[in-house]
Protein backbone atom coordinates (compact mmCIF):
# COMPACT_ATOMS: atom_id res chain seq x y z
CA UNK A 1 13.80 -9.71 7.95
CA UNK A 2 13.62 -6.40 9.97
CA UNK A 3 11.98 -5.34 13.16
CA UNK A 4 10.86 -2.03 13.13
CA UNK A 5 11.68 -0.92 16.55
CA UNK A 6 11.25 3.01 17.57
CA UNK A 7 11.44 3.88 22.27
CA UNK A 8 8.32 6.51 22.45
CA UNK A 9 4.96 4.86 22.61
CA UNK A 10 1.89 7.33 22.96
CA UNK A 11 -0.31 5.59 24.39
CA UNK A 12 1.88 2.24 26.80
CA UNK A 13 5.35 4.34 27.61
CA UNK A 14 8.76 2.57 27.03
CA UNK A 15 6.63 -0.34 25.33
CA UNK A 16 9.35 -2.29 23.67
CA UNK A 17 11.62 -1.98 26.61
CA UNK A 18 9.23 -3.44 29.56
CA UNK A 19 10.03 -6.43 31.17
CA UNK A 20 8.28 -7.57 33.56
CA UNK A 21 7.41 -11.24 31.99
CA UNK A 22 12.06 -11.80 32.33
CA UNK A 23 13.02 -9.53 29.64
CA UNK A 24 11.51 -6.68 27.09
CA UNK A 25 9.84 -7.35 24.73
CA UNK A 26 10.70 -6.40 21.88
CA UNK A 27 12.68 -9.57 22.81
CA UNK A 28 9.85 -11.78 22.72
CA UNK A 29 8.98 -11.18 19.89
CA UNK A 30 12.35 -10.88 17.79
CA UNK A 31 13.10 -14.30 19.50
CA UNK A 32 9.82 -15.24 17.69
CA UNK A 33 11.64 -14.03 14.10
CA UNK A 34 14.37 -16.20 14.99
CA UNK A 35 12.93 -19.00 15.25
CA UNK A 36 11.64 -18.96 12.00
CA UNK A 37 12.41 -20.66 9.62
CA UNK A 38 13.39 -19.57 5.79
CA UNK A 39 14.13 -15.62 6.84
CA UNK A 40 18.75 -15.67 7.08
CA UNK A 41 18.47 -12.76 9.12
CA UNK A 42 16.67 -11.51 11.72
CA UNK A 43 18.01 -6.82 12.15
CA UNK A 44 15.56 -5.25 14.50
CA UNK A 45 15.38 -1.10 12.78
CA UNK A 46 15.47 0.48 16.26
CA UNK A 47 16.41 4.34 17.44
CA UNK A 48 17.48 3.79 20.43
CA UNK A 49 20.80 2.53 21.88
CA UNK A 50 18.51 0.39 24.88
CA UNK A 51 16.09 -0.83 21.83
CA UNK A 52 18.96 -2.18 19.97
CA UNK A 53 21.00 -3.83 23.28
CA UNK A 54 17.47 -5.77 24.32
CA UNK A 55 18.04 -7.04 20.52
CA UNK A 56 21.51 -7.64 20.31
CA UNK A 57 21.05 -10.07 23.91
CA UNK A 58 18.23 -11.06 22.17
CA UNK A 59 20.42 -12.62 19.49
CA UNK A 60 19.56 -10.35 16.76
CA UNK A 61 21.03 -7.91 14.52
CA UNK A 62 20.48 -3.89 14.68
CA UNK A 63 20.68 -1.05 12.50
CA UNK A 64 20.47 2.20 14.63
CA UNK A 65 17.29 4.22 12.32
CA UNK A 66 17.31 8.40 11.93
CA UNK A 67 14.56 9.03 15.73
CA UNK A 68 12.58 10.76 13.02
CA UNK A 69 11.71 8.37 10.64
CA UNK A 70 7.83 8.72 10.27
CA UNK A 71 6.89 5.31 9.60
CA UNK A 72 8.04 1.62 10.51
CA UNK A 73 8.30 1.06 6.51
CA UNK A 74 10.59 4.17 6.26
CA UNK A 75 12.87 2.70 9.04
CA UNK A 76 12.26 -0.98 7.94
CA UNK A 77 14.06 0.51 4.39
CA UNK A 78 16.97 3.23 6.49
CA UNK A 79 18.20 -0.01 7.95
CA UNK A 80 18.03 -1.78 4.62
CA UNK A 81 20.45 0.35 3.15
CA UNK A 82 22.68 -1.76 5.62
CA UNK A 83 21.81 -5.27 3.60
CA UNK A 84 22.75 -4.29 0.68
CA UNK A 85 22.34 -7.62 -0.79
CA UNK A 86 19.02 -8.26 0.79
CA UNK A 87 16.30 -9.25 -2.16
CA UNK A 88 13.34 -9.33 -0.08
CA UNK A 89 12.47 -8.17 3.45
CA UNK A 90 9.88 -8.62 5.41
CA UNK A 91 8.31 -6.65 8.27
CA UNK A 92 6.71 -7.78 11.82
CA UNK A 93 6.05 -4.98 13.99
CA UNK A 94 8.54 -5.00 17.38
CA UNK A 95 5.71 -5.37 19.76
CA UNK A 96 4.16 -8.48 18.00
CA UNK A 97 5.56 -10.09 20.64
CA UNK A 98 2.84 -13.48 20.26
CA UNK A 99 3.89 -13.85 16.40
CA UNK A 100 3.43 -17.27 14.83
CA UNK A 101 6.71 -18.05 13.13
CA UNK A 102 4.81 -20.19 10.26
CA UNK A 103 3.03 -16.91 9.34
CA UNK A 104 6.70 -15.17 8.86
CA UNK A 105 7.68 -18.62 7.11
CA UNK A 106 4.73 -18.59 4.15
CA UNK A 107 5.45 -14.17 3.49
CA UNK A 108 8.85 -15.74 3.33
CA UNK A 109 7.88 -18.03 0.80
CA UNK A 110 5.05 -15.85 -1.28
CA UNK A 111 7.30 -14.32 -1.38
CA UNK A 112 9.99 -16.63 -3.01
CA UNK A 113 7.19 -18.13 -5.27
CA UNK A 114 7.21 -14.52 -7.31
CA UNK A 115 4.79 -12.56 -5.15
CA UNK A 116 5.62 -8.12 -5.05
CA UNK A 117 3.97 -7.77 -1.89
CA UNK A 118 2.15 -10.04 0.72
CA UNK A 119 0.34 -8.80 3.98
CA UNK A 120 -1.34 -11.57 6.55
CA UNK A 121 -5.26 -11.81 7.38
CA UNK A 122 -6.70 -13.43 9.71
CA UNK A 123 -10.85 -14.02 10.29
CA UNK A 124 -13.04 -11.24 12.11
CA UNK A 125 -15.65 -11.21 14.20
CA UNK A 126 -18.38 -9.27 14.19
CA UNK A 127 -17.39 -6.84 17.25
CA UNK A 128 -14.44 -5.86 15.60
CA UNK A 129 -16.37 -5.51 12.20
CA UNK A 130 -17.83 -1.74 13.19
CA UNK A 131 -14.16 -1.47 15.11
CA UNK A 132 -12.77 2.00 13.54
CA UNK A 133 -9.00 -0.18 15.02
CA UNK A 134 -9.75 -3.40 13.39
CA UNK A 135 -8.21 -2.68 9.67
CA UNK A 136 -10.40 -4.44 7.55
CA UNK A 137 -9.45 -5.79 4.19
CA UNK A 138 -11.35 -7.16 0.91
CA UNK A 139 -9.52 -9.39 -1.70
CA UNK A 140 -9.98 -9.86 -5.53
CA UNK A 141 -10.93 -14.07 -7.04
CA UNK A 142 -6.90 -14.09 -6.70
CA UNK A 143 -6.34 -13.62 -3.90
CA UNK A 144 -5.07 -9.84 -3.85
CA UNK A 145 -6.25 -6.96 -1.48
CA UNK A 146 -8.61 -3.99 -3.67
CA UNK A 147 -9.03 -2.62 0.02
CA UNK A 148 -8.39 -2.19 3.41
CA UNK A 149 -10.20 0.34 5.39
CA UNK A 150 -11.06 1.39 9.72
CA UNK A 151 -14.94 1.19 8.65
CA UNK A 152 -17.00 -1.84 8.12
CA UNK A 153 -16.68 -3.12 4.55
CA UNK A 154 -17.96 -4.27 1.66
CA UNK A 155 -21.60 -3.80 2.65
CA UNK A 156 -23.47 -6.01 4.44
CA UNK A 157 -26.87 -5.79 1.83
CA UNK A 158 -26.41 -9.60 1.45
CA UNK A 159 -25.31 -12.21 4.15
CA UNK A 160 -25.15 -14.53 0.67
CA UNK A 161 -22.39 -12.81 -0.11
CA UNK A 162 -17.97 -12.07 1.04
CA UNK A 163 -17.39 -11.89 4.17
CA UNK A 164 -13.71 -9.19 4.84
CA UNK A 165 -11.31 -10.73 6.53
CA UNK A 166 -9.22 -8.88 9.62
CA UNK A 167 -5.70 -7.32 8.50
CA UNK A 168 -3.15 -8.34 10.16
CA UNK A 169 0.68 -5.95 9.77
CA UNK A 170 2.62 -8.02 9.15
CA UNK A 171 4.52 -7.53 5.53
CA UNK A 172 7.09 -8.75 2.83
CA UNK A 173 8.64 -6.42 -0.36
CA UNK A 174 11.08 -7.36 -2.83
CA UNK A 175 13.76 -4.98 -2.80
CA UNK A 176 12.19 -3.31 -5.87
CA UNK A 177 9.08 -2.13 -3.98
CA UNK A 178 10.18 -1.32 -0.89
CA UNK A 179 12.42 1.29 -2.81
CA UNK A 180 9.86 2.21 -4.91
CA UNK A 181 7.19 2.52 -2.18
CA UNK A 182 9.24 4.45 0.55
CA UNK A 183 9.57 6.37 -2.62
CA UNK A 184 6.65 7.76 -2.95
CA UNK A 185 4.59 10.40 -1.13
CA UNK A 186 1.62 9.84 1.48
CA UNK A 187 -1.50 9.31 -1.27
CA UNK A 188 -5.19 10.60 -1.01
CA UNK A 189 -7.45 6.90 0.40
CA UNK A 190 -3.61 6.31 2.76
CA UNK A 191 -4.26 10.05 4.07
CA UNK A 192 -8.29 9.48 4.30
CA UNK A 193 -7.95 6.23 6.00
CA UNK A 194 -4.62 6.76 7.68
CA UNK A 195 -3.41 3.49 6.49
CA UNK A 196 0.13 3.79 4.83
CA UNK A 197 -1.13 -0.44 2.65
CA UNK A 198 -2.66 2.16 1.34
CA UNK A 199 -0.27 4.21 -0.34
CA UNK A 200 0.64 0.30 -2.50
CA UNK A 201 -2.06 0.01 -4.08
CA UNK A 202 -2.66 3.35 -5.28
CA UNK A 203 0.17 2.26 -7.49
CA UNK A 204 -1.15 0.14 -8.98
CA UNK A 205 1.13 -2.46 -6.96
CA UNK A 206 -0.32 -5.81 -6.71
CA UNK A 207 -0.74 -6.57 -2.93
CA UNK A 208 -1.01 -11.04 -2.22
CA UNK A 209 -3.14 -11.54 1.18
CA UNK A 210 -2.96 -14.93 2.77
CA UNK A 211 -5.04 -15.78 5.11
CA UNK A 212 -3.89 -17.44 8.42
CA UNK A 213 -5.71 -19.39 11.15
CA UNK A 214 -6.08 -16.98 13.12
CA UNK A 215 -5.18 -12.50 14.91
CA UNK A 216 -2.06 -11.84 16.80
CA UNK A 217 -2.42 -10.02 19.23
CA UNK A 218 -0.27 -7.06 19.31
CA UNK A 219 0.46 -4.37 22.20
CA UNK A 220 -0.55 -1.18 22.80
CA UNK A 221 -1.96 -0.04 25.35
CA UNK A 222 -1.16 -1.71 29.55
CA UNK A 223 -4.46 -3.87 29.55
CA UNK A 224 -2.73 -5.33 26.51
CA UNK A 225 0.71 -5.68 27.93
CA UNK A 226 -1.01 -7.39 31.49
CA UNK A 227 -3.03 -9.37 29.18
CA UNK A 228 0.58 -10.90 27.73
CA UNK A 229 1.53 -11.41 31.03
CA UNK A 230 -1.36 -14.37 31.69
CA UNK A 231 -1.22 -15.64 28.66
CA UNK A 232 2.86 -16.18 29.43
CA UNK A 233 2.39 -17.14 32.79
CA UNK A 234 -0.56 -19.40 31.91
CA UNK A 235 1.62 -21.15 29.76
CA UNK A 236 4.53 -21.79 32.31
CA UNK A 237 2.63 -22.97 34.35
CA UNK A 238 3.11 -26.61 35.25
CA UNK A 239 -0.51 -28.98 34.25
């Protein structure tokens, strides 16, 4: 599996190297990934030597990639060139320090069971339904993604209808699917919503959505990081 990690961060500078918990934020994410049972390797696709050092110190492998790559998926595919025998690739963002290893294994298992591409969803709160920062996903009757949006979808004309799920940005790909995805130019809906997963749907790729019991708190701001530190202190304090 590949963890894309870039040093630049607009809202929280150098966030992946913050280590007020005792180790860099990136290390926490990688250790969760290493705790999963099904991935054979955990590789940090980084754009900075300090991130590579943090990854190796955490027990993962590291590949330096071009800092100018436009997305985590492009960084993932660049790192995959160093591992030509990898048939399946799973993408976890470097700031997902509380991702559950079991969720990673569920994505891996879906790939082993024949899915071309896989992602996760979780229950969506009423507050998040109208929040454009919360990406929503709706699926068909077989659990394949129909659409992702920052908007409140579907329109709740009938209260008894389907409910959207919160999208969790963890992805699994068969190698050939990821190769195709990386070769395609950004698509119209992708550009409209600023959601690169729509590129798959616009090219007709079946994207399986696994429902997970809860979302994982990605860390984008200082308040997110402070909340993470507080949760860590709560877990580490004697009962």
